[in-house]
Amino acid sequence: MTSIERKRAFAVEFCEMTREKRARLERSTRHIVQASLKAGLSVEEVADHTGLTPEEVEAHREEKEE
Protein backbone atom coordinates (compact mmCIF):
# COMPACT_ATOMS: atom_id res chain seq x y z
CA MET A 1 0.00 0.00 0.00
CA THR A 2 1.43 3.34 -1.00
CA SER A 3 1.52 6.41 1.16
CA ILE A 4 -1.34 7.98 -0.81
CA GLU A 5 -3.48 4.85 -0.38
CA ARG A 6 -2.81 4.82 3.37
CA LYS A 7 -3.76 8.49 3.65
CA ARG A 8 -6.93 7.89 1.63
CA ALA A 9 -7.89 4.91 3.82
CA PHE A 10 -7.29 6.98 6.95
CA ALA A 11 -9.41 9.85 5.58
CA VAL A 12 -12.29 7.49 4.77
CA GLU A 13 -12.13 5.94 8.24
CA PHE A 14 -12.00 9.39 9.87
CA CYS A 15 -15.05 10.57 7.89
CA GLU A 16 -17.01 7.49 8.97
CA MET A 17 -16.13 8.11 12.62
CA THR A 18 -17.11 11.77 12.28
CA ARG A 19 -20.48 10.81 10.77
CA GLU A 20 -21.13 8.38 13.63
CA LYS A 21 -20.21 10.99 16.24
CA ARG A 22 -22.43 13.58 14.57
CA ALA A 23 -25.34 11.12 14.52
CA ARG A 24 -24.87 10.32 18.23
CA LEU A 25 -24.73 14.02 19.07
CA GLU A 26 -27.89 14.67 17.06
CA ARG A 27 -29.75 11.85 18.87
CA SER A 28 -28.57 13.16 22.25
CA THR A 29 -29.62 16.71 21.41
CA ARG A 30 -33.02 15.52 20.23
CA HIS A 31 -33.47 13.52 23.45
CA ILE A 32 -32.52 16.51 25.64
CA VAL A 33 -34.84 18.86 23.75
CA GLN A 34 -37.77 16.47 23.87
CA ALA A 35 -37.26 15.70 27.57
CA SER A 36 -37.01 19.40 28.39
CA LEU A 37 -40.19 20.20 26.49
CA LYS A 38 -41.97 17.29 28.17
CA ALA A 39 -40.83 18.62 31.56
CA GLY A 40 -42.62 21.87 30.81
CA LEU A 41 -39.88 24.21 29.62
CA SER A 42 -40.86 26.61 26.87
CA VAL A 43 -39.25 26.53 23.44
CA GLU A 44 -37.40 29.75 24.26
CA GLU A 45 -36.03 28.33 27.54
CA VAL A 46 -34.83 25.17 25.82
CA ALA A 47 -33.23 27.26 23.07
CA ASP A 48 -31.41 29.40 25.65
CA HIS A 49 -30.10 26.38 27.55
CA THR A 50 -29.02 24.36 24.52
CA GLY A 51 -27.72 27.11 22.28
CA LEU A 52 -30.14 26.11 19.54
CA THR A 53 -32.47 28.51 17.80
CA PRO A 54 -36.19 28.32 18.59
CA GLU A 55 -36.70 27.00 15.04
CA GLU A 56 -34.27 24.13 15.68
CA VAL A 57 -36.05 23.31 18.95
CA GLU A 58 -39.38 23.26 17.08
CA ALA A 59 -37.86 20.93 14.47
CA HIS A 60 -36.85 18.49 17.22
CA ARG A 61 -40.35 18.71 18.69
CA GLU A 62 -41.87 17.92 15.29
CA GLU A 63 -39.57 14.88 14.87
CA LYS A 64 -41.09 13.39 18.00
CA GLU A 65 -44.64 13.91 16.79
CA GLU A 66 -44.03 12.13 13.46
C-alpha atoms as a PDB file:
ATOM      1  CA  MET A   1       0.000   0.000   0.000  1.00  0.00           C
ATOM      2  CA  THR A   2       1.432   3.338  -1.004  1.00  0.00           C
ATOM      3  CA  SER A   3       1.525   6.411   1.163  1.00  0.00           C
ATOM      4  CA  ILE A   4      -1.335   7.981  -0.806  1.00  0.00           C
ATOM      5  CA  GLU A   5      -3.475   4.854  -0.380  1.00  0.00           C
ATOM      6  CA  ARG A   6      -2.808   4.820   3.372  1.00  0.00           C
ATOM      7  CA  LYS A   7      -3.761   8.487   3.649  1.00  0.00           C
ATOM      8  CA  ARG A   8      -6.930   7.893   1.634  1.00  0.00           C
ATOM      9  CA  ALA A   9      -7.887   4.906   3.823  1.00  0.00           C
ATOM     10  CA  PHE A  10      -7.288   6.984   6.952  1.00  0.00           C
ATOM     11  CA  ALA A  11      -9.411   9.847   5.576  1.00  0.00           C
ATOM     12  CA  VAL A  12     -12.295   7.492   4.767  1.00  0.00           C
ATOM     13  CA  GLU A  13     -12.132   5.942   8.240  1.00  0.00           C
ATOM     14  CA  PHE A  14     -11.997   9.389   9.870  1.00  0.00           C
ATOM     15  CA  CYS A  15     -15.046  10.573   7.891  1.00  0.00           C
ATOM     16  CA  GLU A  16     -17.008   7.492   8.968  1.00  0.00           C
ATOM     17  CA  MET A  17     -16.125   8.114  12.622  1.00  0.00           C
ATOM     18  CA  THR A  18     -17.113  11.767  12.277  1.00  0.00           C
ATOM     19  CA  ARG A  19     -20.485  10.809  10.767  1.00  0.00           C
ATOM     20  CA  GLU A  20     -21.130   8.376  13.626  1.00  0.00           C
ATOM     21  CA  LYS A  21     -20.207  10.993  16.240  1.00  0.00           C
ATOM     22  CA  ARG A  22     -22.425  13.583  14.567  1.00  0.00           C
ATOM     23  CA  ALA A  23     -25.344  11.119  14.515  1.00  0.00           C
ATOM     24  CA  ARG A  24     -24.870  10.321  18.227  1.00  0.00           C
ATOM     25  CA  LEU A  25     -24.727  14.019  19.067  1.00  0.00           C
ATOM     26  CA  GLU A  26     -27.893  14.666  17.061  1.00  0.00           C
ATOM     27  CA  ARG A  27     -29.749  11.854  18.875  1.00  0.00           C
ATOM     28  CA  SER A  28     -28.568  13.162  22.250  1.00  0.00           C
ATOM     29  CA  THR A  29     -29.619  16.707  21.411  1.00  0.00           C
ATOM     30  CA  ARG A  30     -33.024  15.518  20.227  1.00  0.00           C
ATOM     31  CA  HIS A  31     -33.471  13.523  23.449  1.00  0.00           C
ATOM     32  CA  ILE A  32     -32.515  16.506  25.638  1.00  0.00           C
ATOM     33  CA  VAL A  33     -34.837  18.864  23.749  1.00  0.00           C
ATOM     34  CA  GLN A  34     -37.773  16.471  23.869  1.00  0.00           C
ATOM     35  CA  ALA A  35     -37.264  15.696  27.569  1.00  0.00           C
ATOM     36  CA  SER A  36     -37.007  19.403  28.385  1.00  0.00           C
ATOM     37  CA  LEU A  37     -40.191  20.204  26.494  1.00  0.00           C
ATOM     38  CA  LYS A  38     -41.967  17.291  28.168  1.00  0.00           C
ATOM     39  CA  ALA A  39     -40.829  18.619  31.557  1.00  0.00           C
ATOM     40  CA  GLY A  40     -42.623  21.871  30.811  1.00  0.00           C
ATOM     41  CA  LEU A  41     -39.885  24.206  29.619  1.00  0.00           C
ATOM     42  CA  SER A  42     -40.856  26.615  26.873  1.00  0.00           C
ATOM     43  CA  VAL A  43     -39.254  26.526  23.445  1.00  0.00           C
ATOM     44  CA  GLU A  44     -37.395  29.748  24.262  1.00  0.00           C
ATOM     45  CA  GLU A  45     -36.027  28.333  27.536  1.00  0.00           C
ATOM     46  CA  VAL A  46     -34.829  25.165  25.815  1.00  0.00           C
ATOM     47  CA  ALA A  47     -33.228  27.256  23.072  1.00  0.00           C
ATOM     48  CA  ASP A  48     -31.414  29.402  25.652  1.00  0.00           C
ATOM     49  CA  HIS A  49     -30.095  26.383  27.554  1.00  0.00           C
ATOM     50  CA  THR A  50     -29.016  24.357  24.524  1.00  0.00           C
ATOM     51  CA  GLY A  51     -27.720  27.115  22.280  1.00  0.00           C
ATOM     52  CA  LEU A  52     -30.145  26.107  19.541  1.00  0.00           C
ATOM     53  CA  THR A  53     -32.469  28.508  17.799  1.00  0.00           C
ATOM     54  CA  PRO A  54     -36.186  28.316  18.588  1.00  0.00           C
ATOM     55  CA  GLU A  55     -36.699  27.003  15.042  1.00  0.00           C
ATOM     56  CA  GLU A  56     -34.273  24.128  15.683  1.00  0.00           C
ATOM     57  CA  VAL A  57     -36.053  23.315  18.945  1.00  0.00           C
ATOM     58  CA  GLU A  58     -39.375  23.263  17.082  1.00  0.00           C
ATOM     59  CA  ALA A  59     -37.863  20.934  14.475  1.00  0.00           C
ATOM     60  CA  HIS A  60     -36.853  18.487  17.220  1.00  0.00           C
ATOM     61  CA  ARG A  61     -40.348  18.714  18.692  1.00  0.00           C
ATOM     62  CA  GLU A  62     -41.866  17.917  15.288  1.00  0.00           C
ATOM     63  CA  GLU A  63     -39.572  14.880  14.867  1.00  0.00           C
ATOM     64  CA  LYS A  64     -41.090  13.392  18.002  1.00  0.00           C
ATOM     65  CA  GLU A  65     -44.644  13.909  16.789  1.00  0.00           C
ATOM     66  CA  GLU A  66     -44.027  12.134  13.464  1.00  0.00           C
END
